[in-house]
Amino acid sequence: QAQFVESGGGLVQPGGSLRLSCAASGISFRIYFMGWYRQAPGKQRELVASIDSGGRTNYADSVKGRFTISRDNAKNTVYLQMNSLRPDDTAVYYCNGRFGLNDRWGQGTQVTVSS
């Protein structure tokens, strides 16, 4: 059964860094289009960054130059390196994987940026 498990969230001060990980199981990870989304309280879920099976990446304007998405197909894991974090980055971050009609989500990990 397909499963995505996120880790790496937590509390960080403004300007700090965190690295999120999403470990996948039960799928052919290397063919999946992977993305990180976030949802802040009272707001809609939004795409933060994505990476396709060929390693091509895409970022929301709000995180360009600060966040980096990457994948390690040998470890079935996608990462989100987040630098220069700001209070408005506070949200629950979700891992998503898509291939064809398959569309799967992780349980989410909380990121809080506060002094």
PDB file of N, CA and C in Angstrom:
ATOM      1  N   GLN A   1       0.848  -1.183   0.000  1.00  0.00           N
ATOM      2  CA  GLN A   1       0.000   0.000   0.000  1.00  0.00           C
ATOM      3  C   GLN A   1       0.887   1.236   0.000  1.00  0.00           C
ATOM      4  N   ALA A   2       0.509   2.212  -0.855  1.00  0.00           N
ATOM      5  CA  ALA A   2       1.312   3.419  -0.971  1.00  0.00           C
ATOM      6  C   ALA A   2       1.236   4.229   0.307  1.00  0.00           C
ATOM      7  N   GLN A   3       2.366   4.784   0.686  1.00  0.00           N
ATOM      8  CA  GLN A   3       2.427   5.604   1.896  1.00  0.00           C
ATOM      9  C   GLN A   3       3.517   6.649   1.749  1.00  0.00           C
ATOM     10  N   PHE A   4       3.191   7.869   2.171  1.00  0.00           N
ATOM     11  CA  PHE A   4       4.175   8.943   2.229  1.00  0.00           C
ATOM     12  C   PHE A   4       4.277   9.407   3.669  1.00  0.00           C
ATOM     13  N   VAL A   5       5.485   9.525   4.185  1.00  0.00           N
ATOM     14  CA  VAL A   5       5.694   9.937   5.566  1.00  0.00           C
ATOM     15  C   VAL A   5       6.642  11.121   5.595  1.00  0.00           C
ATOM     16  N   GLU A   6       6.116  12.263   6.038  1.00  0.00           N
ATOM     17  CA  GLU A   6       6.936  13.468   6.140  1.00  0.00           C
ATOM     18  C   GLU A   6       7.616  13.542   7.496  1.00  0.00           C
ATOM     19  N   SER A   7       8.750  14.220   7.516  1.00  0.00           N
ATOM     20  CA  SER A   7       9.461  14.492   8.756  1.00  0.00           C
ATOM     21  C   SER A   7      10.297  15.751   8.567  1.00  0.00           C
ATOM     22  N   GLY A   8      10.776  16.289   9.696  1.00  0.00           N
ATOM     23  CA  GLY A   8      11.684  17.428   9.624  1.00  0.00           C
ATOM     24  C   GLY A   8      11.079  18.763  10.014  1.00  0.00           C
ATOM     25  N   GLY A   9       9.785  18.791  10.265  1.00  0.00           N
ATOM     26  CA  GLY A   9       9.175  20.049  10.669  1.00  0.00           C
ATOM     27  C   GLY A   9       9.554  20.427  12.094  1.00  0.00           C
ATOM     28  N   GLY A  10       9.153  21.634  12.496  1.00  0.00           N
ATOM     29  CA  GLY A  10       9.452  22.069  13.841  1.00  0.00           C
ATOM     30  C   GLY A  10       9.359  23.569  13.974  1.00  0.00           C
ATOM     31  N   LEU A  11       9.884  24.058  15.088  1.00  0.00           N
ATOM     32  CA  LEU A  11       9.897  25.490  15.382  1.00  0.00           C
ATOM     33  C   LEU A  11      11.278  26.048  15.068  1.00  0.00           C
ATOM     34  N   VAL A  12      11.308  27.142  14.318  1.00  0.00           N
ATOM     35  CA  VAL A  12      12.573  27.760  13.943  1.00  0.00           C
ATOM     36  C   VAL A  12      12.411  29.274  13.998  1.00  0.00           C
ATOM     37  N   GLN A  13      13.488  29.970  14.283  1.00  0.00           N
ATOM     38  CA  GLN A  13      13.452  31.429  14.316  1.00  0.00           C
ATOM     39  C   GLN A  13      13.500  32.000  12.902  1.00  0.00           C
ATOM     40  N   PRO A  14      12.982  33.197  12.726  1.00  0.00           N
ATOM     41  CA  PRO A  14      13.101  33.850  11.411  1.00  0.00           C
ATOM     42  C   PRO A  14      14.558  33.903  10.953  1.00  0.00           C
ATOM     43  N   GLY A  15      14.751  33.595   9.676  1.00  0.00           N
ATOM     44  CA  GLY A  15      16.093  33.535   9.118  1.00  0.00           C
ATOM     45  C   GLY A  15      16.734  32.167   9.210  1.00  0.00           C
ATOM     46  N   GLY A  16      16.105  31.258   9.935  1.00  0.00           N
ATOM     47  CA  GLY A  16      16.657  29.924  10.106  1.00  0.00           C
ATOM     48  C   GLY A  16      16.344  28.992   8.946  1.00  0.00           C
ATOM     49  N   SER A  17      16.757  27.746   9.114  1.00  0.00           N
ATOM     50  CA  SER A  17      16.596  26.739   8.062  1.00  0.00           C
ATOM     51  C   SER A  17      16.007  25.456   8.626  1.00  0.00           C
ATOM     52  N   LEU A  18      15.315  24.745   7.758  1.00  0.00           N
ATOM     53  CA  LEU A  18      14.824  23.402   8.051  1.00  0.00           C
ATOM     54  C   LEU A  18      14.898  22.588   6.767  1.00  0.00           C
ATOM     55  N   ARG A  19      15.032  21.271   6.931  1.00  0.00           N
ATOM     56  CA  ARG A  19      14.932  20.387   5.780  1.00  0.00           C
ATOM     57  C   ARG A  19      13.837  19.368   6.037  1.00  0.00           C
ATOM     58  N   LEU A  20      12.851  19.376   5.169  1.00  0.00           N
ATOM     59  CA  LEU A  20      11.771  18.405   5.240  1.00  0.00           C
ATOM     60  C   LEU A  20      12.112  17.199   4.374  1.00  0.00           C
ATOM     61  N   SER A  21      11.684  16.039   4.837  1.00  0.00           N
ATOM     62  CA  SER A  21      11.854  14.804   4.080  1.00  0.00           C
ATOM     63  C   SER A  21      10.502  14.123   3.919  1.00  0.00           C
ATOM     64  N   CYS A  22      10.331  13.447   2.813  1.00  0.00           N
ATOM     65  CA  CYS A  22       9.123  12.663   2.568  1.00  0.00           C
ATOM     66  C   CYS A  22       9.568  11.310   2.021  1.00  0.00           C
ATOM     67  N   ALA A  23       9.389  10.285   2.822  1.00  0.00           N
ATOM     68  CA  ALA A  23       9.779   8.933   2.431  1.00  0.00           C
ATOM     69  C   ALA A  23       8.566   8.202   1.876  1.00  0.00           C
ATOM     70  N   ALA A  24       8.720   7.684   0.674  1.00  0.00           N
ATOM     71  CA  ALA A  24       7.623   6.989   0.006  1.00  0.00           C
ATOM     72  C   ALA A  24       7.836   5.484   0.046  1.00  0.00           C
ATOM     73  N   SER A  25       6.743   4.766   0.105  1.00  0.00           N
ATOM     74  CA  SER A  25       6.803   3.309   0.032  1.00  0.00           C
ATOM     75  C   SER A  25       5.576   2.808  -0.714  1.00  0.00           C
ATOM     76  N   GLY A  26       5.725   1.623  -1.305  1.00  0.00           N
ATOM     77  CA  GLY A  26       4.590   1.013  -1.984  1.00  0.00           C
ATOM     78  C   GLY A  26       4.312   1.546  -3.372  1.00  0.00           C
ATOM     79  N   ILE A  27       5.220   2.363  -3.918  1.00  0.00           N
ATOM     80  CA  ILE A  27       5.049   2.908  -5.266  1.00  0.00           C
ATOM     81  C   ILE A  27       6.369   2.816  -6.022  1.00  0.00           C
ATOM     82  N   SER A  28       6.277   2.983  -7.331  1.00  0.00           N
ATOM     83  CA  SER A  28       7.492   3.110  -8.155  1.00  0.00           C
ATOM     84  C   SER A  28       7.905   4.570  -8.119  1.00  0.00           C
ATOM     85  N   PHE A  29       8.591   4.929  -7.073  1.00  0.00           N
ATOM     86  CA  PHE A  29       8.844   6.333  -6.753  1.00  0.00           C
ATOM     87  C   PHE A  29       9.446   7.093  -7.927  1.00  0.00           C
ATOM     88  N   ARG A  30      10.364   6.510  -8.634  1.00  0.00           N
ATOM     89  CA  ARG A  30      11.121   7.273  -9.628  1.00  0.00           C
ATOM     90  C   ARG A  30      10.254   7.819 -10.765  1.00  0.00           C
ATOM     91  N   ILE A  31       9.077   7.263 -10.974  1.00  0.00           N
ATOM     92  CA  ILE A  31       8.233   7.736 -12.066  1.00  0.00           C
ATOM     93  C   ILE A  31       7.210   8.766 -11.599  1.00  0.00           C
ATOM     94  N   TYR A  32       7.162   9.008 -10.306  1.00  0.00           N
ATOM     95  CA  TYR A  32       6.154   9.906  -9.741  1.00  0.00           C
ATOM     96  C   TYR A  32       6.579  11.366  -9.840  1.00  0.00           C
ATOM     97  N   PHE A  33       5.617  12.224 -10.113  1.00  0.00           N
ATOM     98  CA  PHE A  33       5.744  13.676 -10.018  1.00  0.00           C
ATOM     99  C   PHE A  33       5.513  14.019  -8.551  1.00  0.00           C
ATOM    100  N   MET A  34       6.492  14.656  -7.931  1.00  0.00           N
ATOM    101  CA  MET A  34       6.427  14.918  -6.497  1.00  0.00           C
ATOM    102  C   MET A  34       6.326  16.411  -6.216  1.00  0.00           C
ATOM    103  N   GLY A  35       5.566  16.744  -5.192  1.00  0.00           N
ATOM    104  CA  GLY A  35       5.422  18.139  -4.827  1.00  0.00           C
ATOM    105  C   GLY A  35       5.325  18.334  -3.326  1.00  0.00           C
ATOM    106  N   TRP A  36       5.680  19.514  -2.912  1.00  0.00           N
ATOM    107  CA  TRP A  36       5.444  19.958  -1.538  1.00  0.00           C
ATOM    108  C   TRP A  36       4.401  21.064  -1.580  1.00  0.00           C
ATOM    109  N   TYR A  37       3.386  20.916  -0.740  1.00  0.00           N
ATOM    110  CA  TYR A  37       2.336  21.911  -0.591  1.00  0.00           C
ATOM    111  C   TYR A  37       2.346  22.393   0.855  1.00  0.00           C
ATOM    112  N   ARG A  38       1.694  23.513   1.083  1.00  0.00           N
ATOM    113  CA  ARG A  38       1.529  23.977   2.464  1.00  0.00           C
ATOM    114  C   ARG A  38       0.158  24.608   2.637  1.00  0.00           C
ATOM    115  N   GLN A  39      -0.300  24.559   3.882  1.00  0.00           N
ATOM    116  CA  GLN A  39      -1.577  25.167   4.207  1.00  0.00           C
ATOM    117  C   GLN A  39      -1.464  25.869   5.553  1.00  0.00           C
ATOM    118  N   ALA A  40      -1.644  27.182   5.499  1.00  0.00           N
ATOM    119  CA  ALA A  40      -1.631  27.990   6.709  1.00  0.00           C
ATOM    120  C   ALA A  40      -3.061  28.103   7.235  1.00  0.00           C
ATOM    121  N   PRO A  41      -3.227  28.395   8.519  1.00  0.00           N
ATOM    122  CA  PRO A  41      -4.577  28.507   9.092  1.00  0.00           C
ATOM    123  C   PRO A  41      -5.420  29.531   8.333  1.00  0.00           C
ATOM    124  N   GLY A  42      -6.628  29.129   7.945  1.00  0.00           N
ATOM    125  CA  GLY A  42      -7.532  30.022   7.257  1.00  0.00           C
ATOM    126  C   GLY A  42      -7.219  30.258   5.797  1.00  0.00           C
ATOM    127  N   LYS A  43      -6.233  29.538   5.269  1.00  0.00           N
ATOM    128  CA  LYS A  43      -5.847  29.723   3.872  1.00  0.00           C
ATOM    129  C   LYS A  43      -5.971  28.420   3.110  1.00  0.00           C
ATOM    130  N   GLN A  44      -6.018  28.543   1.785  1.00  0.00           N
ATOM    131  CA  GLN A  44      -6.076  27.359   0.940  1.00  0.00           C
ATOM    132  C   GLN A  44      -4.699  26.704   0.838  1.00  0.00           C
ATOM    133  N   ARG A  45      -4.725  25.417   0.582  1.00  0.00           N
ATOM    134  CA  ARG A  45      -3.467  24.711   0.358  1.00  0.00           C
ATOM    135  C   ARG A  45      -2.838  25.220  -0.940  1.00  0.00           C
ATOM    136  N   GLU A  46      -1.539  25.453  -0.916  1.00  0.00           N
ATOM    137  CA  GLU A  46      -0.849  25.984  -2.081  1.00  0.00           C
ATOM    138  C   GLU A  46       0.392  25.169  -2.398  1.00  0.00           C
ATOM    139  N   LEU A  47       0.718  25.115  -3.697  1.00  0.00           N
ATOM    140  CA  LEU A  47       1.921  24.426  -4.132  1.00  0.00           C
ATOM    141  C   LEU A  47       3.139  25.274  -3.792  1.00  0.00           C
ATOM    142  N   VAL A  48       4.112  24.657  -3.150  1.00  0.00           N
ATOM    143  CA  VAL A  48       5.359  25.335  -2.798  1.00  0.00           C
ATOM    144  C   VAL A  48       6.439  25.034  -3.832  1.00  0.00           C
ATOM    145  N   ALA A  49       6.598  23.751  -4.140  1.00  0.00           N
ATOM    146  CA  ALA A  49       7.643  23.344  -5.082  1.00  0.00           C
ATOM    147  C   ALA A  49       7.301  21.965  -5.628  1.00  0.00           C
ATOM    148  N   SER A  50       7.782  21.684  -6.831  1.00  0.00           N
ATOM    149  CA  SER A  50       7.556  20.374  -7.430  1.00  0.00           C
ATOM    150  C   SER A  50       8.799  19.928  -8.179  1.00  0.00           C
ATOM    151  N   ILE A  51       8.867  18.613  -8.390  1.00  0.00           N
ATOM    152  CA  ILE A  51       9.981  18.030  -9.138  1.00  0.00           C
ATOM    153  C   ILE A  51       9.444  16.838  -9.908  1.00  0.00           C
ATOM    154  N   ASP A  52       9.752  16.794 -11.208  1.00  0.00           N
ATOM    155  CA  ASP A  52       9.229  15.688 -11.995  1.00  0.00           C
ATOM    156  C   ASP A  52      10.217  14.532 -12.031  1.00  0.00           C
ATOM    157  N   SER A  53       9.861  13.484 -12.771  1.00  0.00           N
ATOM    158  CA  SER A  53      10.691  12.285 -12.787  1.00  0.00           C
ATOM    159  C   SER A  53      12.055  12.531 -13.408  1.00  0.00           C
ATOM    160  N   GLY A  54      12.164  13.584 -14.217  1.00  0.00           N
ATOM    161  CA  GLY A  54      13.443  13.919 -14.823  1.00  0.00           C
ATOM    162  C   GLY A  54      14.260  14.907 -14.016  1.00  0.00           C
ATOM    163  N   GLY A  55      13.739  15.320 -12.869  1.00  0.00           N
ATOM    164  CA  GLY A  55      14.466  16.245 -11.997  1.00  0.00           C
ATOM    165  C   GLY A  55      14.195  17.713 -12.264  1.00  0.00           C
ATOM    166  N   ARG A  56      13.269  17.992 -13.156  1.00  0.00           N
ATOM    167  CA  ARG A  56      12.937  19.401 -13.407  1.00  0.00           C
ATOM    168  C   ARG A  56      12.104  19.937 -12.253  1.00  0.00           C
ATOM    169  N   THR A  57      12.425  21.169 -11.850  1.00  0.00           N
ATOM    170  CA  THR A  57      11.802  21.744 -10.666  1.00  0.00           C
ATOM    171  C   THR A  57      10.981  22.991 -10.986  1.00  0.00           C
ATOM    172  N   ASN A  58      10.073  23.284 -10.088  1.00  0.00           N
ATOM    173  CA  ASN A  58       9.242  24.477 -10.208  1.00  0.00           C
ATOM    174  C   ASN A  58       8.962  24.992  -8.795  1.00  0.00           C
ATOM    175  N   TYR A  59       8.912  26.322  -8.647  1.00  0.00           N
ATOM    176  CA  TYR A  59       8.731  26.915  -7.332  1.00  0.00           C
ATOM    177  C   TYR A  59       7.678  28.004  -7.349  1.00  0.00           C
ATOM    178  N   ALA A  60       6.994  28.145  -6.230  1.00  0.00           N
ATOM    179  CA  ALA A  60       6.132  29.304  -6.040  1.00  0.00           C
ATOM    180  C   ALA A  60       7.009  30.547  -5.953  1.00  0.00           C
ATOM    181  N   ASP A  61       6.499  31.666  -6.447  1.00  0.00           N
ATOM    182  CA  ASP A  61       7.285  32.900  -6.427  1.00  0.00           C
ATOM    183  C   ASP A  61       7.725  33.272  -5.010  1.00  0.00           C
ATOM    184  N   SER A  62       6.902  32.971  -4.044  1.00  0.00           N
ATOM    185  CA  SER A  62       7.178  33.380  -2.671  1.00  0.00           C
ATOM    186  C   SER A  62       8.372  32.651  -2.047  1.00  0.00           C
ATOM    187  N   VAL A  63       8.784  31.530  -2.648  1.00  0.00           N
ATOM    188  CA  VAL A  63       9.888  30.758  -2.064  1.00  0.00           C
ATOM    189  C   VAL A  63      11.109  30.670  -2.983  1.00  0.00           C
ATOM    190  N   LYS A  64      11.016  31.232  -4.181  1.00  0.00           N
ATOM    191  CA  LYS A  64      12.151  31.163  -5.110  1.00  0.00           C
ATOM    192  C   LYS A  64      13.382  31.797  -4.495  1.00  0.00           C
ATOM    193  N   GLY A  65      14.490  31.104  -4.619  1.00  0.00           N
ATOM    194  CA  GLY A  65      15.747  31.585  -4.065  1.00  0.00           C
ATOM    195  C   GLY A  65      15.958  31.233  -2.609  1.00  0.00           C
ATOM    196  N   ARG A  66      14.918  30.725  -1.954  1.00  0.00           N
ATOM    197  CA  ARG A  66      15.032  30.356  -0.530  1.00  0.00           C
ATOM    198  C   ARG A  66      14.856  28.858  -0.316  1.00  0.00           C
ATOM    199  N   PHE A  67      13.986  28.225  -1.087  1.00  0.00           N
ATOM    200  CA  PHE A  67      13.693  26.797  -0.929  1.00  0.00           C
ATOM    201  C   PHE A  67      14.267  26.016  -2.104  1.00  0.00           C
ATOM    202  N   THR A  68      14.654  24.780  -1.829  1.00  0.00           N
ATOM    203  CA  THR A  68      15.150  23.885  -2.872  1.00  0.00           C
ATOM    204  C   THR A  68      14.521  22.508  -2.705  1.00  0.00           C
ATOM    205  N   ILE A  69      13.898  22.025  -3.763  1.00  0.00           N
ATOM    206  CA  ILE A  69      13.337  20.677  -3.750  1.00  0.00           C
ATOM    207  C   ILE A  69      14.308  19.745  -4.467  1.00  0.00           C
ATOM    208  N   SER A  70      14.431  18.529  -3.948  1.00  0.00           N
ATOM    209  CA  SER A  70      15.293  17.535  -4.570  1.00  0.00           C
ATOM    210  C   SER A  70      14.724  16.145  -4.287  1.00  0.00           C
ATOM    211  N   ARG A  71      15.219  15.177  -5.028  1.00  0.00           N
ATOM    212  CA  ARG A  71      14.756  13.807  -4.811  1.00  0.00           C
ATOM    213  C   ARG A  71      15.930  12.847  -4.883  1.00  0.00           C
ATOM    214  N   ASP A  72      15.815  11.764  -4.132  1.00  0.00           N
ATOM    215  CA  ASP A  72      16.799  10.692  -4.159  1.00  0.00           C
ATOM    216  C   ASP A  72      16.025   9.414  -4.476  1.00  0.00           C
ATOM    217  N   ASN A  73      16.059   9.005  -5.725  1.00  0.00           N
ATOM    218  CA  ASN A  73      15.264   7.854  -6.147  1.00  0.00           C
ATOM    219  C   ASN A  73      15.757   6.556  -5.504  1.00  0.00           C
ATOM    220  N   ALA A  74      17.034   6.497  -5.154  1.00  0.00           N
ATOM    221  CA  ALA A  74      17.558   5.302  -4.491  1.00  0.00           C
ATOM    222  C   ALA A  74      16.973   5.135  -3.090  1.00  0.00           C
ATOM    223  N   LYS A  75      16.592   6.268  -2.474  1.00  0.00           N
ATOM    224  CA  LYS A  75      16.037   6.235  -1.123  1.00  0.00           C
ATOM    225  C   LYS A  75      14.519   6.459  -1.122  1.00  0.00           C
ATOM    226  N   ASN A  76      13.925   6.589  -2.301  1.00  0.00           N
ATOM    227  CA  ASN A  76      12.481   6.844  -2.397  1.00  0.00           C
ATOM    228  C   ASN A  76      12.064   8.046  -1.556  1.00  0.00           C
ATOM    229  N   THR A  77      12.849   9.097  -1.627  1.00  0.00           N
ATOM    230  CA  THR A  77      12.641  10.244  -0.747  1.00  0.00           C
ATOM    231  C   THR A  77      12.737  11.549  -1.534  1.00  0.00           C
ATOM    232  N   VAL A  78      11.851  12.472  -1.194  1.00  0.00           N
ATOM    233  CA  VAL A  78      11.914  13.827  -1.730  1.00  0.00           C
ATOM    234  C   VAL A  78      12.164  14.776  -0.552  1.00  0.00           C
ATOM    235  N   TYR A  79      12.956  15.802  -0.815  1.00  0.00           N
ATOM    236  CA  TYR A  79      13.356  16.740   0.231  1.00  0.00           C
ATOM    237  C   TYR A  79      12.908  18.152  -0.115  1.00  0.00           C
ATOM    238  N   LEU A  80      12.772  18.970   0.926  1.00  0.00           N
ATOM    239  CA  LEU A  80      12.564  20.396   0.744  1.00  0.00           C
ATOM    240  C   LEU A  80      13.496  21.116   1.709  1.00  0.00           C
ATOM    241  N   GLN A  81      14.541  21.703   1.158  1.00  0.00           N
ATOM    242  CA  GLN A  81      15.465  22.510   1.958  1.00  0.00           C
ATOM    243  C   GLN A  81      14.917  23.927   2.009  1.00  0.00           C
ATOM    244  N   MET A  82      14.680  24.412   3.211  1.00  0.00           N
ATOM    245  CA  MET A  82      14.076  25.733   3.392  1.00  0.00           C
ATOM    246  C   MET A  82      15.051  26.624   4.148  1.00  0.00           C
ATOM    247  N   ASN A  83      15.494  27.676   3.494  1.00  0.00           N
ATOM    248  CA  ASN A  83      16.417  28.638   4.097  1.00  0.00           C
ATOM    249  C   ASN A  83      15.746  30.004   4.212  1.00  0.00           C
ATOM    250  N   SER A  84      16.350  30.860   5.005  1.00  0.00           N
ATOM    251  CA  SER A  84      15.837  32.228   5.186  1.00  0.00           C
ATOM    252  C   SER A  84      14.343  32.218   5.492  1.00  0.00           C
ATOM    253  N   LEU A  85      13.966  31.382   6.420  1.00  0.00           N
ATOM    254  CA  LEU A  85      12.546  31.216   6.733  1.00  0.00           C
ATOM    255  C   LEU A  85      11.970  32.484   7.334  1.00  0.00           C
ATOM    256  N   ARG A  86      10.709  32.713   7.008  1.00  0.00           N
ATOM    257  CA  ARG A  86       9.988  33.903   7.455  1.00  0.00           C
ATOM    258  C   ARG A  86       8.728  33.477   8.202  1.00  0.00           C
ATOM    259  N   PRO A  87       8.177  34.347   9.036  1.00  0.00           N
ATOM    260  CA  PRO A  87       6.942  33.978   9.751  1.00  0.00           C
ATOM    261  C   PRO A  87       5.804  33.555   8.817  1.00  0.00           C
ATOM    262  N   ASP A  88       5.745  34.141   7.620  1.00  0.00           N
ATOM    263  CA  ASP A  88       4.657  33.761   6.719  1.00  0.00           C
ATOM    264  C   ASP A  88       4.899  32.420   6.026  1.00  0.00           C
ATOM    265  N   ASP A  89       5.993  31.750   6.338  1.00  0.00           N
ATOM    266  CA  ASP A  89       6.198  30.363   5.887  1.00  0.00           C
ATOM    267  C   ASP A  89       5.547  29.367   6.851  1.00  0.00           C
ATOM    268  N   THR A  90       5.039  29.855   7.970  1.00  0.00           N
ATOM    269  CA  THR A  90       4.391  28.992   8.945  1.00  0.00           C
ATOM    270  C   THR A  90       3.169  28.317   8.335  1.00  0.00           C
ATOM    271  N   ALA A  91       3.148  26.990   8.408  1.00  0.00           N
ATOM    272  CA  ALA A  91       2.056  26.219   7.804  1.00  0.00           C
ATOM    273  C   ALA A  91       2.281  24.739   8.087  1.00  0.00           C
ATOM    274  N   VAL A  92       1.288  23.947   7.751  1.00  0.00           N
ATOM    275  CA  VAL A  92       1.484  22.502   7.674  1.00  0.00           C
ATOM    276  C   VAL A  92       1.938  22.194   6.256  1.00  0.00           C
ATOM    277  N   TYR A  93       3.031  21.478   6.149  1.00  0.00           N
ATOM    278  CA  TYR A  93       3.614  21.138   4.849  1.00  0.00           C
ATOM    279  C   TYR A  93       3.285  19.686   4.515  1.00  0.00           C
ATOM    280  N   TYR A  94       2.785  19.495   3.294  1.00  0.00           N
ATOM    281  CA  TYR A  94       2.350  18.181   2.839  1.00  0.00           C
ATOM    282  C   TYR A  94       3.151  17.737   1.618  1.00  0.00           C
ATOM    283  N   CYS A  95       3.469  16.483   1.612  1.00  0.00           N
ATOM    284  CA  CYS A  95       4.106  15.841   0.466  1.00  0.00           C
ATOM    285  C   CYS A  95       3.008  15.249  -0.424  1.00  0.00           C
ATOM    286  N   ASN A  96       3.162  15.399  -1.732  1.00  0.00           N
ATOM    287  CA  ASN A  96       2.203  14.846  -2.682  1.00  0.00           C
ATOM    288  C   ASN A  96       2.930  14.133  -3.801  1.00  0.00           C
ATOM    289  N   GLY A  97       2.365  13.002  -4.212  1.00  0.00           N
ATOM    290  CA  GLY A  97       2.928  12.270  -5.340  1.00  0.00           C
ATOM    291  C   GLY A  97       1.843  11.914  -6.335  1.00  0.00           C
ATOM    292  N   ARG A  98       2.136  12.147  -7.645  1.00  0.00           N
ATOM    293  CA  ARG A  98       1.154  11.878  -8.679  1.00  0.00           C
ATOM    294  C   ARG A  98       1.767  11.106  -9.836  1.00  0.00           C
ATOM    295  N   PHE A  99       1.000  10.115 -10.329  1.00  0.00           N
ATOM    296  CA  PHE A  99       1.342   9.419 -11.568  1.00  0.00           C
ATOM    297  C   PHE A  99       0.055   8.899 -12.161  1.00  0.00           C
ATOM    298  N   GLY A 100      -0.293   9.383 -13.324  1.00  0.00           N
ATOM    299  CA  GLY A 100      -1.552   8.980 -13.934  1.00  0.00           C
ATOM    300  C   GLY A 100      -2.714   9.381 -13.031  1.00  0.00           C
ATOM    301  N   LEU A 101      -3.565   8.418 -12.720  1.00  0.00           N
ATOM    302  CA  LEU A 101      -4.711   8.673 -11.851  1.00  0.00           C
ATOM    303  C   LEU A 101      -4.368   8.555 -10.367  1.00  0.00           C
ATOM    304  N   ASN A 102      -3.143   8.170 -10.079  1.00  0.00           N
ATOM    305  CA  ASN A 102      -2.730   8.035  -8.678  1.00  0.00           C
ATOM    306  C   ASN A 102      -2.327   9.394  -8.135  1.00  0.00           C
ATOM    307  N   ASP A 103      -2.925   9.778  -7.015  1.00  0.00           N
ATOM    308  CA  ASP A 103      -2.670  11.075  -6.396  1.00  0.00           C
ATOM    309  C   ASP A 103      -2.691  10.850  -4.891  1.00  0.00           C
ATOM    310  N   ARG A 104      -1.510  10.916  -4.272  1.00  0.00           N
ATOM    311  CA  ARG A 104      -1.420  10.513  -2.869  1.00  0.00           C
ATOM    312  C   ARG A 104      -0.772  11.611  -2.046  1.00  0.00           C
ATOM    313  N   TRP A 105      -1.182  11.679  -0.755  1.00  0.00           N
ATOM    314  CA  TRP A 105      -0.717  12.704   0.162  1.00  0.00           C
ATOM    315  C   TRP A 105      -0.141  12.094   1.420  1.00  0.00           C
ATOM    316  N   GLY A 106       0.828  12.796   1.983  1.00  0.00           N
ATOM    317  CA  GLY A 106       1.302  12.462   3.312  1.00  0.00           C
ATOM    318  C   GLY A 106       0.409  13.090   4.363  1.00  0.00           C
ATOM    319  N   GLN A 107       0.757  12.862   5.620  1.00  0.00           N
ATOM    320  CA  GLN A 107      -0.078  13.335   6.730  1.00  0.00           C
ATOM    321  C   GLN A 107       0.218  14.772   7.112  1.00  0.00           C
ATOM    322  N   GLY A 108       1.326  15.305   6.629  1.00  0.00           N
ATOM    323  CA  GLY A 108       1.692  16.682   6.913  1.00  0.00           C
ATOM    324  C   GLY A 108       2.642  16.807   8.087  1.00  0.00           C
ATOM    325  N   THR A 109       3.438  17.872   8.037  1.00  0.00           N
ATOM    326  CA  THR A 109       4.348  18.184   9.138  1.00  0.00           C
ATOM    327  C   THR A 109       4.295  19.687   9.390  1.00  0.00           C
ATOM    328  N   GLN A 110       4.222  20.061  10.650  1.00  0.00           N
ATOM    329  CA  GLN A 110       4.061  21.473  11.016  1.00  0.00           C
ATOM    330  C   GLN A 110       5.402  22.187  10.980  1.00  0.00           C
ATOM    331  N   VAL A 111       5.407  23.345  10.331  1.00  0.00           N
ATOM    332  CA  VAL A 111       6.553  24.252  10.346  1.00  0.00           C
ATOM    333  C   VAL A 111       6.089  25.569  10.950  1.00  0.00           C
ATOM    334  N   THR A 112       6.752  25.982  12.008  1.00  0.00           N
ATOM    335  CA  THR A 112       6.419  27.238  12.670  1.00  0.00           C
ATOM    336  C   THR A 112       7.660  28.115  12.715  1.00  0.00           C
ATOM    337  N   VAL A 113       7.533  29.322  12.157  1.00  0.00           N
ATOM    338  CA  VAL A 113       8.639  30.274  12.133  1.00  0.00           C
ATOM    339  C   VAL A 113       8.272  31.432  13.055  1.00  0.00           C
ATOM    340  N   SER A 114       8.970  31.508  14.170  1.00  0.00           N
ATOM    341  CA  SER A 114       8.623  32.505  15.176  1.00  0.00           C
ATOM    342  C   SER A 114       9.813  32.756  16.084  1.00  0.00           C
ATOM    343  N   SER A 115       9.899  33.996  16.555  1.00  0.00           N
ATOM    344  CA  SER A 115      10.937  34.329  17.517  1.00  0.00           C
ATOM    345  C   SER A 115      10.419  34.187  18.940  1.00  0.00           C
TER     346      SER A 115
END
